[in-house]
Amino acid sequence: MNDLIPLAQAHCIARRGSEHRLTEARIRELLPEVPGWELSEEGRALTRTYRFQDYYRTIAFVNALAFVANREDHHPDLGVHYDRCVVRYSTHDVGGLSENDFICAAKTDRLVDADVL
């Protein structure tokens, strides 16, 4: 990925194999670009909880996120509740975090920032 392109404007590329797993140093470089996201599972996943006013808005977010995930062919694990959704990104094919996870985290933030829900 070119560092000059904002994460939310980049697109995912299929990544398989541990050579695509991000180093701890690269993760620390990218993490400030997705504020609100936390490392989980000993640095193997990115997680964030989004809160909403009601179930309708939560499901609207989930549906919008499903559209983005399908378009990027990179799918998060979701925990869907009445007024919140827990989003977890990890690239199973690399055994940890890849740049795709950070790209999709930024795109997920953009959904909420756009205030379309």
Protein backbone atom coordinates (compact mmCIF):
# COMPACT_ATOMS: atom_id res chain seq x y z
CA MET A 1 0.00 0.00 0.00
CA ASN A 2 1.20 3.48 -0.80
CA ASP A 3 1.44 5.49 2.41
CA LEU A 4 0.32 8.62 0.53
CA ILE A 5 -3.17 7.20 -0.04
CA PRO A 6 -5.47 7.59 2.98
CA LEU A 7 -6.52 4.20 4.34
CA ALA A 8 -10.22 4.90 3.74
CA GLN A 9 -9.51 5.45 0.03
CA ALA A 10 -7.29 2.39 -0.46
CA HIS A 11 -8.62 -0.99 -1.55
CA CYS A 12 -7.93 -4.44 -0.20
CA ILE A 13 -5.68 -6.86 -2.03
CA ALA A 14 -5.91 -10.60 -1.44
CA ARG A 15 -3.19 -11.54 1.02
CA ARG A 16 -2.23 -15.11 1.89
CA GLY A 17 0.76 -16.30 3.81
CA SER A 18 2.60 -15.10 6.87
CA GLU A 19 4.82 -12.79 4.80
CA HIS A 20 1.81 -10.43 4.61
CA ARG A 21 1.35 -10.33 8.39
CA LEU A 22 2.22 -6.85 9.65
CA THR A 23 5.16 -6.39 11.97
CA GLU A 24 4.61 -4.85 15.38
CA ALA A 25 6.42 -1.71 14.18
CA ARG A 26 4.10 -1.35 11.16
CA ILE A 27 1.03 -1.93 13.34
CA ARG A 28 2.19 0.89 15.64
CA GLU A 29 2.60 3.15 12.59
CA LEU A 30 -0.90 2.43 11.29
CA LEU A 31 -2.83 2.38 14.58
CA PRO A 32 -2.96 6.20 14.96
CA GLU A 33 -4.64 6.37 11.54
CA VAL A 34 -7.66 4.51 12.94
CA PRO A 35 -8.40 6.26 16.25
CA GLY A 36 -10.77 4.39 18.52
CA TRP A 37 -9.62 0.97 17.34
CA GLU A 38 -7.80 -1.26 19.79
CA LEU A 39 -5.45 -4.17 19.39
CA SER A 40 -6.87 -7.39 20.77
CA GLU A 41 -5.86 -11.02 20.94
CA GLU A 42 -2.22 -10.13 21.61
CA GLY A 43 -2.02 -7.85 18.59
CA ARG A 44 -3.62 -10.30 16.14
CA ALA A 45 -6.88 -8.35 15.70
CA LEU A 46 -8.35 -4.84 15.58
CA THR A 47 -11.54 -4.26 17.53
CA ARG A 48 -13.95 -1.37 18.01
CA THR A 49 -17.42 -1.01 19.49
CA TYR A 50 -19.84 1.34 17.76
CA ARG A 51 -22.84 2.58 19.75
CA PHE A 52 -26.19 3.59 18.27
CA GLN A 53 -29.49 5.02 19.48
CA ASP A 54 -31.52 1.92 18.73
CA TYR A 55 -31.69 -1.45 17.02
CA TYR A 56 -32.75 0.03 13.67
CA ARG A 57 -29.61 2.17 13.43
CA THR A 58 -27.43 -0.71 14.58
CA ILE A 59 -28.80 -2.93 11.81
CA ALA A 60 -28.48 -0.12 9.26
CA PHE A 61 -24.79 0.09 10.19
CA VAL A 62 -24.40 -3.69 9.89
CA ASN A 63 -26.02 -3.67 6.44
CA ALA A 64 -23.84 -0.80 5.24
CA LEU A 65 -20.75 -2.54 6.61
CA ALA A 66 -21.77 -5.77 4.86
CA PHE A 67 -21.86 -3.87 1.56
CA VAL A 68 -18.35 -2.47 2.12
CA ALA A 69 -17.01 -5.85 3.26
CA ASN A 70 -18.40 -7.56 0.17
CA ARG A 71 -16.96 -4.89 -2.14
CA GLU A 72 -13.51 -5.17 -0.51
CA ASP A 73 -13.76 -8.97 -0.13
CA HIS A 74 -12.56 -8.60 3.46
CA HIS A 75 -15.07 -9.51 6.12
CA PRO A 76 -15.13 -8.63 9.82
CA ASP A 77 -16.44 -10.67 12.70
CA LEU A 78 -19.43 -8.88 14.21
CA GLY A 79 -21.13 -8.92 17.58
CA VAL A 80 -24.56 -7.34 17.01
CA HIS A 81 -26.59 -6.07 19.96
CA TYR A 82 -29.59 -3.75 20.40
CA ASP A 83 -27.63 -0.49 20.59
CA ARG A 84 -24.11 -1.45 19.59
CA CYS A 85 -22.00 -3.49 17.22
CA VAL A 86 -18.58 -4.90 18.04
CA VAL A 87 -16.42 -5.07 14.91
CA ARG A 88 -13.30 -7.24 14.79
CA TYR A 89 -10.86 -7.39 11.88
CA SER A 90 -8.10 -9.95 11.44
CA THR A 91 -6.73 -11.60 8.31
CA HIS A 92 -7.03 -15.32 8.93
CA ASP A 93 -4.99 -16.18 5.83
CA VAL A 94 -1.92 -14.41 7.26
CA GLY A 95 -2.41 -15.41 10.89
CA GLY A 96 -2.82 -11.87 12.22
CA LEU A 97 -3.17 -8.33 11.00
CA SER A 98 -2.63 -7.23 7.41
CA GLU A 99 -2.99 -3.84 5.78
CA ASN A 100 -6.47 -4.94 4.69
CA ASP A 101 -7.61 -4.82 8.31
CA PHE A 102 -6.53 -1.20 8.67
CA ILE A 103 -8.07 -0.26 5.32
CA CYS A 104 -11.40 -1.76 6.34
CA ALA A 105 -11.24 -0.22 9.82
CA ALA A 106 -10.87 3.21 8.19
CA LYS A 107 -13.73 2.49 5.80
CA THR A 108 -15.89 1.39 8.73
CA ASP A 109 -15.17 4.66 10.53
CA ARG A 110 -16.11 6.55 7.38
CA LEU A 111 -19.56 4.91 7.42
CA VAL A 112 -20.24 6.32 10.87
CA ASP A 113 -18.58 9.68 10.16
CA ALA A 114 -20.78 10.14 7.09
CA ASP A 115 -23.79 10.26 9.45
CA VAL A 116 -25.95 8.32 7.04
CA LEU A 117 -27.29 5.92 9.66
